[in-house]
Amino acid sequence: MSESAALSSGKTHRDENFPVASALIAPRHRPAILAFYRFVRAADDVSDHPSAAPEEKLRLLEEMRASLVGESDAAPEGVALRQVLAARGLTAEHALDLLEAFRRDVTKLRYANWNELIDEYCRYSAMPVGRYVLDVHGEPRAAWPLNDALCAALQVINHLQDCGKDYRALGRVYLPADALAEHGATVEMLGAERSTPQLRAVIAALAKRNAVLLERSAAFAAQIKDRRLALEVSVIQKLAEDLNMLLLRRDPLCERVHHRKSDLPPLLLTAFGRFLKGRLT
């Protein structure tokens, strides 16, 4: 077992908020996406481990980087992804960007404003995931701006869903400091059993701002040439819109803001209808 594996959460691609290499993706592309996911999941687990020392986390993340670029074979997830990238002629740029995000998770616990959260964190933690999937499918870089909007929105949803857990377990606060101050909220409120009215106002304001990103990304699926990937993106877009609406109505500190399986059929039908409309028009 590698050292990073010792910090594993046990989470797999089936445990994520949104589909990862689902059956909608062509079988020839799924192994490359799953190799990327396993690398990212291992690095994320390192940065999120509640008791490992920051110095140890940074050392293991560097070990993963070295294994990815061929300077070491210590991290099997890095070696596996390196081989996939070489076989398919893909760049390591996106995986390296994600390692930068995980290093920031270890060293940077607060964000001053929305732009800093998007440009200094989501740019590295979320956008490269979609860019990699687009590269695997041979999609043009012209699709990156709408991809970036959707991926950033997914990351913000995750931050809002887990805002209490992130603060209590890791001391991290992704809610921008200026938004907290504007509504009279404090970071300490994230440690309570339920949100104060001030904290609820912050979460609602950020969800409304996130809705703008989702409005922008609504045209993304129609830009994608690969029909199977376009359908998966349509599904992800609809799931994200619904979760963002839940965050306007529910308190993530004490209420469920994740989908149940029973919630999915009508959302999937809506996504499929949008997909067909986009293809026809």
C-alpha atoms as a PDB file:
ATOM      1  CA  MET A   1       0.000   0.000   0.000  1.00  0.00           C
ATOM      2  CA  SER A   2       1.302   3.476  -0.878  1.00  0.00           C
ATOM      3  CA  GLU A   3       1.517   6.142   1.820  1.00  0.00           C
ATOM      4  CA  SER A   4      -1.244   8.169   0.196  1.00  0.00           C
ATOM      5  CA  ALA A   5      -3.506   5.095   0.175  1.00  0.00           C
ATOM      6  CA  ALA A   6      -3.240   4.992   3.959  1.00  0.00           C
ATOM      7  CA  LEU A   7      -5.148   8.305   4.016  1.00  0.00           C
ATOM      8  CA  SER A   8      -7.885   7.098   1.660  1.00  0.00           C
ATOM      9  CA  SER A   9     -11.484   7.964   2.464  1.00  0.00           C
ATOM     10  CA  GLY A  10     -12.730   4.900   0.620  1.00  0.00           C
ATOM     11  CA  LYS A  11     -14.846   7.113  -1.618  1.00  0.00           C
ATOM     12  CA  THR A  12     -15.276   6.027  -5.249  1.00  0.00           C
ATOM     13  CA  HIS A  13     -16.659   7.624  -8.400  1.00  0.00           C
ATOM     14  CA  ARG A  14     -20.088   6.216  -7.506  1.00  0.00           C
ATOM     15  CA  ASP A  15     -20.171   8.351  -4.340  1.00  0.00           C
ATOM     16  CA  GLU A  16     -19.849  11.725  -6.032  1.00  0.00           C
ATOM     17  CA  ASN A  17     -22.545  14.392  -6.332  1.00  0.00           C
ATOM     18  CA  PHE A  18     -22.460  14.199 -10.112  1.00  0.00           C
ATOM     19  CA  PRO A  19     -21.878  11.428 -12.677  1.00  0.00           C
ATOM     20  CA  VAL A  20     -18.259  10.381 -13.245  1.00  0.00           C
ATOM     21  CA  ALA A  21     -17.599   8.274 -16.357  1.00  0.00           C
ATOM     22  CA  SER A  22     -21.184   7.032 -16.292  1.00  0.00           C
ATOM     23  CA  ALA A  23     -22.639   4.537 -18.745  1.00  0.00           C
ATOM     24  CA  LEU A  24     -23.441   7.511 -20.969  1.00  0.00           C
ATOM     25  CA  ILE A  25     -19.738   7.877 -21.752  1.00  0.00           C
ATOM     26  CA  ALA A  26     -18.391   5.745 -24.604  1.00  0.00           C
ATOM     27  CA  PRO A  27     -16.594   2.651 -23.237  1.00  0.00           C
ATOM     28  CA  ARG A  28     -13.356   3.560 -25.012  1.00  0.00           C
ATOM     29  CA  HIS A  29     -13.124   6.793 -22.994  1.00  0.00           C
ATOM     30  CA  ARG A  30     -14.124   5.528 -19.553  1.00  0.00           C
ATOM     31  CA  PRO A  31     -10.737   4.010 -18.532  1.00  0.00           C
ATOM     32  CA  ALA A  32      -8.914   7.298 -19.175  1.00  0.00           C
ATOM     33  CA  ILE A  33     -11.485   9.241 -17.157  1.00  0.00           C
ATOM     34  CA  LEU A  34     -11.432   6.737 -14.297  1.00  0.00           C
ATOM     35  CA  ALA A  35      -7.616   6.782 -14.138  1.00  0.00           C
ATOM     36  CA  PHE A  36      -7.802  10.563 -13.811  1.00  0.00           C
ATOM     37  CA  TYR A  37     -10.517  10.270 -11.176  1.00  0.00           C
ATOM     38  CA  ARG A  38      -8.522   7.783  -9.079  1.00  0.00           C
ATOM     39  CA  PHE A  39      -5.493  10.068  -9.131  1.00  0.00           C
ATOM     40  CA  VAL A  40      -7.554  13.091  -8.159  1.00  0.00           C
ATOM     41  CA  ARG A  41      -9.495  11.159  -5.500  1.00  0.00           C
ATOM     42  CA  ALA A  42      -6.262   9.958  -3.876  1.00  0.00           C
ATOM     43  CA  ALA A  43      -4.812  13.487  -3.833  1.00  0.00           C
ATOM     44  CA  ASP A  44      -8.064  14.955  -2.536  1.00  0.00           C
ATOM     45  CA  ASP A  45      -8.148  12.398   0.283  1.00  0.00           C
ATOM     46  CA  VAL A  46      -4.619  13.395   1.269  1.00  0.00           C
ATOM     47  CA  SER A  47      -5.465  17.098   1.444  1.00  0.00           C
ATOM     48  CA  ASP A  48      -8.751  16.437   3.279  1.00  0.00           C
ATOM     49  CA  HIS A  49      -7.425  14.035   5.894  1.00  0.00           C
ATOM     50  CA  PRO A  50      -8.508  15.425   9.279  1.00  0.00           C
ATOM     51  CA  SER A  51      -5.463  14.368  11.323  1.00  0.00           C
ATOM     52  CA  ALA A  52      -2.454  14.224   8.979  1.00  0.00           C
ATOM     53  CA  ALA A  53      -0.011  17.090   9.498  1.00  0.00           C
ATOM     54  CA  PRO A  54       0.157  19.772   6.783  1.00  0.00           C
ATOM     55  CA  GLU A  55       3.816  18.972   6.125  1.00  0.00           C
ATOM     56  CA  GLU A  56       2.961  15.311   5.572  1.00  0.00           C
ATOM     57  CA  LYS A  57       0.120  16.197   3.216  1.00  0.00           C
ATOM     58  CA  LEU A  58       2.378  18.440   1.134  1.00  0.00           C
ATOM     59  CA  ARG A  59       5.066  15.726   1.003  1.00  0.00           C
ATOM     60  CA  LEU A  60       2.577  13.143  -0.260  1.00  0.00           C
ATOM     61  CA  LEU A  61       1.138  15.552  -2.832  1.00  0.00           C
ATOM     62  CA  GLU A  62       4.665  16.172  -4.099  1.00  0.00           C
ATOM     63  CA  GLU A  63       5.186  12.410  -4.300  1.00  0.00           C
ATOM     64  CA  MET A  64       2.062  12.181  -6.454  1.00  0.00           C
ATOM     65  CA  ARG A  65       3.325  14.964  -8.709  1.00  0.00           C
ATOM     66  CA  ALA A  66       6.672  13.245  -9.139  1.00  0.00           C
ATOM     67  CA  SER A  67       4.969   9.958 -10.007  1.00  0.00           C
ATOM     68  CA  LEU A  68       2.720  11.693 -12.512  1.00  0.00           C
ATOM     69  CA  VAL A  69       5.594  13.311 -14.440  1.00  0.00           C
ATOM     70  CA  GLY A  70       7.933  10.308 -14.307  1.00  0.00           C
ATOM     71  CA  GLU A  71      10.351  11.421 -11.608  1.00  0.00           C
ATOM     72  CA  SER A  72       9.211   8.622  -9.269  1.00  0.00           C
ATOM     73  CA  ASP A  73       7.040   5.513  -9.136  1.00  0.00           C
ATOM     74  CA  ALA A  74       6.087   5.906  -5.464  1.00  0.00           C
ATOM     75  CA  ALA A  75       2.401   6.781  -6.030  1.00  0.00           C
ATOM     76  CA  PRO A  76       0.623   4.059  -8.064  1.00  0.00           C
ATOM     77  CA  GLU A  77      -2.247   6.383  -9.009  1.00  0.00           C
ATOM     78  CA  GLY A  78       0.282   8.782 -10.532  1.00  0.00           C
ATOM     79  CA  VAL A  79       2.039   6.004 -12.425  1.00  0.00           C
ATOM     80  CA  ALA A  80      -1.267   4.668 -13.770  1.00  0.00           C
ATOM     81  CA  LEU A  81      -2.400   8.074 -14.979  1.00  0.00           C
ATOM     82  CA  ARG A  82       1.024   8.805 -16.477  1.00  0.00           C
ATOM     83  CA  GLN A  83       0.729   5.651 -18.571  1.00  0.00           C
ATOM     84  CA  VAL A  84      -2.779   6.544 -19.726  1.00  0.00           C
ATOM     85  CA  LEU A  85      -1.691  10.052 -20.713  1.00  0.00           C
ATOM     86  CA  ALA A  86       1.265   8.695 -22.675  1.00  0.00           C
ATOM     87  CA  ALA A  87      -0.842   6.092 -24.463  1.00  0.00           C
ATOM     88  CA  ARG A  88      -3.428   8.635 -25.525  1.00  0.00           C
ATOM     89  CA  GLY A  89      -1.137  11.600 -26.158  1.00  0.00           C
ATOM     90  CA  LEU A  90      -2.750  13.716 -23.452  1.00  0.00           C
ATOM     91  CA  THR A  91      -1.201  16.431 -21.320  1.00  0.00           C
ATOM     92  CA  ALA A  92      -0.547  16.209 -17.568  1.00  0.00           C
ATOM     93  CA  GLU A  93      -1.497  19.899 -17.269  1.00  0.00           C
ATOM     94  CA  HIS A  94      -4.965  19.303 -15.842  1.00  0.00           C
ATOM     95  CA  ALA A  95      -3.830  16.826 -13.192  1.00  0.00           C
ATOM     96  CA  LEU A  96      -0.996  19.180 -12.188  1.00  0.00           C
ATOM     97  CA  ASP A  97      -3.511  22.019 -11.837  1.00  0.00           C
ATOM     98  CA  LEU A  98      -5.567  19.881  -9.472  1.00  0.00           C
ATOM     99  CA  LEU A  99      -2.507  19.125  -7.350  1.00  0.00           C
ATOM    100  CA  GLU A 100      -2.054  22.876  -7.015  1.00  0.00           C
ATOM    101  CA  ALA A 101      -5.631  23.142  -5.728  1.00  0.00           C
ATOM    102  CA  PHE A 102      -4.985  20.448  -3.142  1.00  0.00           C
ATOM    103  CA  ARG A 103      -1.835  22.203  -1.987  1.00  0.00           C
ATOM    104  CA  ARG A 104      -3.934  25.325  -1.510  1.00  0.00           C
ATOM    105  CA  ASP A 105      -6.423  23.281   0.504  1.00  0.00           C
ATOM    106  CA  VAL A 106      -3.578  22.520   2.890  1.00  0.00           C
ATOM    107  CA  THR A 107      -2.150  26.036   3.112  1.00  0.00           C
ATOM    108  CA  LYS A 108      -5.015  28.470   2.389  1.00  0.00           C
ATOM    109  CA  LEU A 109      -8.085  28.270   4.624  1.00  0.00           C
ATOM    110  CA  ARG A 110      -9.914  31.518   3.752  1.00  0.00           C
ATOM    111  CA  TYR A 111     -10.978  33.439   0.629  1.00  0.00           C
ATOM    112  CA  ALA A 112     -11.522  37.174   0.607  1.00  0.00           C
ATOM    113  CA  ASN A 113     -14.169  37.465  -2.109  1.00  0.00           C
ATOM    114  CA  TRP A 114     -15.993  35.675  -4.914  1.00  0.00           C
ATOM    115  CA  ASN A 115     -13.397  36.473  -7.572  1.00  0.00           C
ATOM    116  CA  GLU A 116     -10.613  35.056  -5.432  1.00  0.00           C
ATOM    117  CA  LEU A 117     -12.609  31.880  -4.831  1.00  0.00           C
ATOM    118  CA  ILE A 118     -13.250  31.413  -8.555  1.00  0.00           C
ATOM    119  CA  ASP A 119      -9.895  32.557  -9.940  1.00  0.00           C
ATOM    120  CA  GLU A 120      -7.542  31.207  -7.298  1.00  0.00           C
ATOM    121  CA  TYR A 121      -9.359  28.036  -6.275  1.00  0.00           C
ATOM    122  CA  CYS A 122     -12.042  26.848  -8.710  1.00  0.00           C
ATOM    123  CA  ARG A 123      -9.693  27.590 -11.613  1.00  0.00           C
ATOM    124  CA  TYR A 124      -7.454  24.805 -10.280  1.00  0.00           C
ATOM    125  CA  SER A 125      -9.852  22.568  -8.345  1.00  0.00           C
ATOM    126  CA  ALA A 126     -12.777  22.274 -10.756  1.00  0.00           C
ATOM    127  CA  MET A 127     -12.224  23.630 -14.250  1.00  0.00           C
ATOM    128  CA  PRO A 128      -9.360  21.205 -15.100  1.00  0.00           C
ATOM    129  CA  VAL A 129     -11.650  18.210 -14.507  1.00  0.00           C
ATOM    130  CA  GLY A 130     -13.995  19.161 -17.324  1.00  0.00           C
ATOM    131  CA  ARG A 131     -11.124  20.293 -19.531  1.00  0.00           C
ATOM    132  CA  TYR A 132      -9.520  16.875 -19.192  1.00  0.00           C
ATOM    133  CA  VAL A 133     -12.757  15.098 -20.121  1.00  0.00           C
ATOM    134  CA  LEU A 134     -13.087  17.356 -23.165  1.00  0.00           C
ATOM    135  CA  ASP A 135      -9.505  16.536 -24.178  1.00  0.00           C
ATOM    136  CA  VAL A 136     -10.185  12.796 -23.815  1.00  0.00           C
ATOM    137  CA  HIS A 137     -13.086  13.208 -26.250  1.00  0.00           C
ATOM    138  CA  GLY A 138     -11.093  15.341 -28.677  1.00  0.00           C
ATOM    139  CA  GLU A 139     -13.325  18.370 -28.156  1.00  0.00           C
ATOM    140  CA  PRO A 140     -11.931  21.815 -29.085  1.00  0.00           C
ATOM    141  CA  ARG A 141     -10.680  24.305 -26.529  1.00  0.00           C
ATOM    142  CA  ALA A 142     -13.401  26.665 -27.693  1.00  0.00           C
ATOM    143  CA  ALA A 143     -15.663  24.700 -25.322  1.00  0.00           C
ATOM    144  CA  TRP A 144     -13.528  25.564 -22.283  1.00  0.00           C
ATOM    145  CA  PRO A 145     -15.269  28.815 -21.204  1.00  0.00           C
ATOM    146  CA  LEU A 146     -18.677  27.153 -20.789  1.00  0.00           C
ATOM    147  CA  ASN A 147     -17.033  24.109 -19.229  1.00  0.00           C
ATOM    148  CA  ASP A 148     -15.314  26.411 -16.752  1.00  0.00           C
ATOM    149  CA  ALA A 149     -18.604  28.042 -15.784  1.00  0.00           C
ATOM    150  CA  LEU A 150     -20.268  24.675 -15.132  1.00  0.00           C
ATOM    151  CA  CYS A 151     -17.325  23.175 -13.253  1.00  0.00           C
ATOM    152  CA  ALA A 152     -16.956  26.261 -11.058  1.00  0.00           C
ATOM    153  CA  ALA A 153     -20.677  26.125 -10.290  1.00  0.00           C
ATOM    154  CA  LEU A 154     -20.388  22.449  -9.283  1.00  0.00           C
ATOM    155  CA  GLN A 155     -17.512  23.322  -6.965  1.00  0.00           C
ATOM    156  CA  VAL A 156     -19.442  26.160  -5.327  1.00  0.00           C
ATOM    157  CA  ILE A 157     -22.409  23.836  -4.770  1.00  0.00           C
ATOM    158  CA  ASN A 158     -20.078  21.403  -3.039  1.00  0.00           C
ATOM    159  CA  HIS A 159     -18.643  24.196  -0.889  1.00  0.00           C
ATOM    160  CA  LEU A 160     -22.122  25.304   0.193  1.00  0.00           C
ATOM    161  CA  GLN A 161     -23.314  21.758   0.868  1.00  0.00           C
ATOM    162  CA  ASP A 162     -20.268  20.992   3.013  1.00  0.00           C
ATOM    163  CA  CYS A 163     -19.646  24.392   4.580  1.00  0.00           C
ATOM    164  CA  GLY A 164     -20.284  23.158   8.115  1.00  0.00           C
ATOM    165  CA  LYS A 165     -18.282  19.948   7.732  1.00  0.00           C
ATOM    166  CA  ASP A 166     -15.332  21.744   6.116  1.00  0.00           C
ATOM    167  CA  TYR A 167     -15.154  24.191   9.001  1.00  0.00           C
ATOM    168  CA  ARG A 168     -15.593  21.680  11.809  1.00  0.00           C
ATOM    169  CA  ALA A 169     -13.246  19.012  10.431  1.00  0.00           C
ATOM    170  CA  LEU A 170     -10.594  21.061   8.674  1.00  0.00           C
ATOM    171  CA  GLY A 171     -10.992  24.700   9.682  1.00  0.00           C
ATOM    172  CA  ARG A 172     -11.592  25.611   6.045  1.00  0.00           C
ATOM    173  CA  VAL A 173     -14.016  28.316   4.987  1.00  0.00           C
ATOM    174  CA  TYR A 174     -14.783  28.714   1.300  1.00  0.00           C
ATOM    175  CA  LEU A 175     -17.573  31.242   1.916  1.00  0.00           C
ATOM    176  CA  PRO A 176     -15.923  34.540   0.933  1.00  0.00           C
ATOM    177  CA  ALA A 177     -15.088  36.850   3.824  1.00  0.00           C
ATOM    178  CA  ASP A 178     -16.748  39.871   2.207  1.00  0.00           C
ATOM    179  CA  ALA A 179     -20.048  37.945   1.831  1.00  0.00           C
ATOM    180  CA  LEU A 180     -19.950  36.950   5.503  1.00  0.00           C
ATOM    181  CA  ALA A 181     -19.269  40.549   6.536  1.00  0.00           C
ATOM    182  CA  GLU A 182     -21.994  41.946   4.282  1.00  0.00           C
ATOM    183  CA  HIS A 183     -24.658  39.852   6.011  1.00  0.00           C
ATOM    184  CA  GLY A 184     -23.290  40.139   9.540  1.00  0.00           C
ATOM    185  CA  ALA A 185     -22.196  36.486   9.702  1.00  0.00           C
ATOM    186  CA  THR A 186     -19.029  35.013  11.203  1.00  0.00           C
ATOM    187  CA  VAL A 187     -17.061  31.872  10.443  1.00  0.00           C
ATOM    188  CA  GLU A 188     -17.847  30.565  13.933  1.00  0.00           C
ATOM    189  CA  MET A 189     -21.505  30.270  12.904  1.00  0.00           C
ATOM    190  CA  LEU A 190     -20.471  27.369  10.664  1.00  0.00           C
ATOM    191  CA  GLY A 191     -19.821  25.283  13.763  1.00  0.00           C
ATOM    192  CA  ALA A 192     -23.418  25.458  14.977  1.00  0.00           C
ATOM    193  CA  GLU A 193     -26.081  22.780  14.589  1.00  0.00           C
ATOM    194  CA  ARG A 194     -28.159  25.026  12.327  1.00  0.00           C
ATOM    195  CA  SER A 195     -27.562  28.239  10.446  1.00  0.00           C
ATOM    196  CA  THR A 196     -28.354  31.629  11.884  1.00  0.00           C
ATOM    197  CA  PRO A 197     -30.460  33.958   9.712  1.00  0.00           C
ATOM    198  CA  GLN A 198     -27.251  35.824   8.856  1.00  0.00           C
ATOM    199  CA  LEU A 199     -25.493  32.680   7.658  1.00  0.00           C
ATOM    200  CA  ARG A 200     -28.546  31.571   5.691  1.00  0.00           C
ATOM    201  CA  ALA A 201     -28.489  34.951   3.962  1.00  0.00           C
ATOM    202  CA  VAL A 202     -24.849  34.376   2.975  1.00  0.00           C
ATOM    203  CA  ILE A 203     -25.567  30.908   1.583  1.00  0.00           C
ATOM    204  CA  ALA A 204     -28.589  32.175  -0.354  1.00  0.00           C
ATOM    205  CA  ALA A 205     -26.613  35.098  -1.781  1.00  0.00           C
ATOM    206  CA  LEU A 206     -23.841  32.783  -2.959  1.00  0.00           C
ATOM    207  CA  ALA A 207     -26.342  30.326  -4.450  1.00  0.00           C
ATOM    208  CA  LYS A 208     -27.926  33.201  -6.387  1.00  0.00           C
ATOM    209  CA  ARG A 209     -24.517  34.237  -7.646  1.00  0.00           C
ATOM    210  CA  ASN A 210     -23.843  30.634  -8.584  1.00  0.00           C
ATOM    211  CA  ALA A 211     -27.081  30.567 -10.569  1.00  0.00           C
ATOM    212  CA  VAL A 212     -25.481  33.097 -12.934  1.00  0.00           C
ATOM    213  CA  LEU A 213     -22.702  30.600 -13.680  1.00  0.00           C
ATOM    214  CA  LEU A 214     -25.319  27.930 -14.340  1.00  0.00           C
ATOM    215  CA  GLU A 215     -27.215  30.232 -16.674  1.00  0.00           C
ATOM    216  CA  ARG A 216     -23.991  30.737 -18.599  1.00  0.00           C
ATOM    217  CA  SER A 217     -23.190  27.021 -18.761  1.00  0.00           C
ATOM    218  CA  ALA A 218     -26.688  26.044 -19.963  1.00  0.00           C
ATOM    219  CA  ALA A 219     -25.450  26.257 -23.570  1.00  0.00           C
ATOM    220  CA  PHE A 220     -22.449  24.008 -22.913  1.00  0.00           C
ATOM    221  CA  ALA A 221     -23.948  20.655 -23.910  1.00  0.00           C
ATOM    222  CA  ALA A 222     -25.029  22.018 -27.287  1.00  0.00           C
ATOM    223  CA  GLN A 223     -21.398  22.921 -28.056  1.00  0.00           C
ATOM    224  CA  ILE A 224     -20.139  19.375 -27.517  1.00  0.00           C
ATOM    225  CA  LYS A 225     -19.752  17.258 -30.634  1.00  0.00           C
ATOM    226  CA  ASP A 226     -19.700  13.859 -28.917  1.00  0.00           C
ATOM    227  CA  ARG A 227     -23.381  13.069 -28.359  1.00  0.00           C
ATOM    228  CA  ARG A 228     -22.846  10.770 -25.389  1.00  0.00           C
ATOM    229  CA  LEU A 229     -20.719  13.326 -23.563  1.00  0.00           C
ATOM    230  CA  ALA A 230     -23.223  16.046 -24.436  1.00  0.00           C
ATOM    231  CA  LEU A 231     -25.995  14.003 -22.836  1.00  0.00           C
ATOM    232  CA  GLU A 232     -23.952  13.474 -19.668  1.00  0.00           C
ATOM    233  CA  VAL A 233     -23.272  17.212 -19.494  1.00  0.00           C
ATOM    234  CA  SER A 234     -27.012  17.868 -19.914  1.00  0.00           C
ATOM    235  CA  VAL A 235     -27.668  15.600 -16.943  1.00  0.00           C
ATOM    236  CA  ILE A 236     -24.981  17.266 -14.819  1.00  0.00           C
ATOM    237  CA  GLN A 237     -26.332  20.720 -15.691  1.00  0.00           C
ATOM    238  CA  LYS A 238     -29.843  19.782 -14.576  1.00  0.00           C
ATOM    239  CA  LEU A 239     -28.674  18.123 -11.362  1.00  0.00           C
ATOM    240  CA  ALA A 240     -26.611  21.205 -10.551  1.00  0.00           C
ATOM    241  CA  GLU A 241     -29.513  23.579 -11.158  1.00  0.00           C
ATOM    242  CA  ASP A 242     -31.714  21.544  -8.857  1.00  0.00           C
ATOM    243  CA  LEU A 243     -29.112  21.349  -6.066  1.00  0.00           C
ATOM    244  CA  ASN A 244     -28.491  25.071  -6.330  1.00  0.00           C
ATOM    245  CA  MET A 245     -32.217  25.675  -5.871  1.00  0.00           C
ATOM    246  CA  LEU A 246     -32.221  23.389  -2.815  1.00  0.00           C
ATOM    247  CA  LEU A 247     -29.512  25.557  -1.277  1.00  0.00           C
ATOM    248  CA  LEU A 248     -31.847  28.539  -1.562  1.00  0.00           C
ATOM    249  CA  ARG A 249     -34.502  26.684   0.450  1.00  0.00           C
ATOM    250  CA  ARG A 250     -32.643  24.409   2.856  1.00  0.00           C
ATOM    251  CA  ASP A 251     -30.066  24.812   5.586  1.00  0.00           C
ATOM    252  CA  PRO A 252     -26.962  22.716   4.759  1.00  0.00           C
ATOM    253  CA  LEU A 253     -25.972  22.645   8.432  1.00  0.00           C
ATOM    254  CA  CYS A 254     -29.034  20.613   9.412  1.00  0.00           C
ATOM    255  CA  GLU A 255     -31.003  19.644   6.270  1.00  0.00           C
ATOM    256  CA  ARG A 256     -30.312  17.321   3.358  1.00  0.00           C
ATOM    257  CA  VAL A 257     -29.065  19.156   0.268  1.00  0.00           C
ATOM    258  CA  HIS A 258     -28.114  16.087  -1.766  1.00  0.00           C
ATOM    259  CA  HIS A 259     -30.212  14.083  -4.192  1.00  0.00           C
ATOM    260  CA  ARG A 260     -31.844  10.804  -3.299  1.00  0.00           C
ATOM    261  CA  LYS A 261     -32.261   8.168  -5.989  1.00  0.00           C
ATOM    262  CA  SER A 262     -35.997   8.839  -5.976  1.00  0.00           C
ATOM    263  CA  ASP A 263     -35.309  12.474  -6.939  1.00  0.00           C
ATOM    264  CA  LEU A 264     -33.500  11.531 -10.128  1.00  0.00           C
ATOM    265  CA  PRO A 265     -36.092  10.246 -12.675  1.00  0.00           C
ATOM    266  CA  PRO A 266     -37.852  13.570 -13.342  1.00  0.00           C
ATOM    267  CA  LEU A 267     -34.519  15.414 -13.411  1.00  0.00           C
ATOM    268  CA  LEU A 268     -33.088  12.929 -15.897  1.00  0.00           C
ATOM    269  CA  LEU A 269     -36.173  13.210 -18.094  1.00  0.00           C
ATOM    270  CA  THR A 270     -35.839  16.993 -18.134  1.00  0.00           C
ATOM    271  CA  ALA A 271     -32.149  16.718 -18.986  1.00  0.00           C
ATOM    272  CA  PHE A 272     -32.892  14.298 -21.830  1.00  0.00           C
ATOM    273  CA  GLY A 273     -35.572  16.607 -23.192  1.00  0.00           C
ATOM    274  CA  ARG A 274     -33.146  19.523 -23.182  1.00  0.00           C
ATOM    275  CA  PHE A 275     -30.543  17.386 -24.900  1.00  0.00           C
ATOM    276  CA  LEU A 276     -32.933  16.461 -27.704  1.00  0.00           C
ATOM    277  CA  LYS A 277     -34.054  20.058 -28.119  1.00  0.00           C
ATOM    278  CA  GLY A 278     -30.474  21.242 -28.291  1.00  0.00           C
ATOM    279  CA  ARG A 279     -29.591  18.672 -30.939  1.00  0.00           C
ATOM    280  CA  LEU A 280     -32.649  19.446 -33.024  1.00  0.00           C
ATOM    281  CA  THR A 281     -32.051  23.183 -32.972  1.00  0.00           C
END
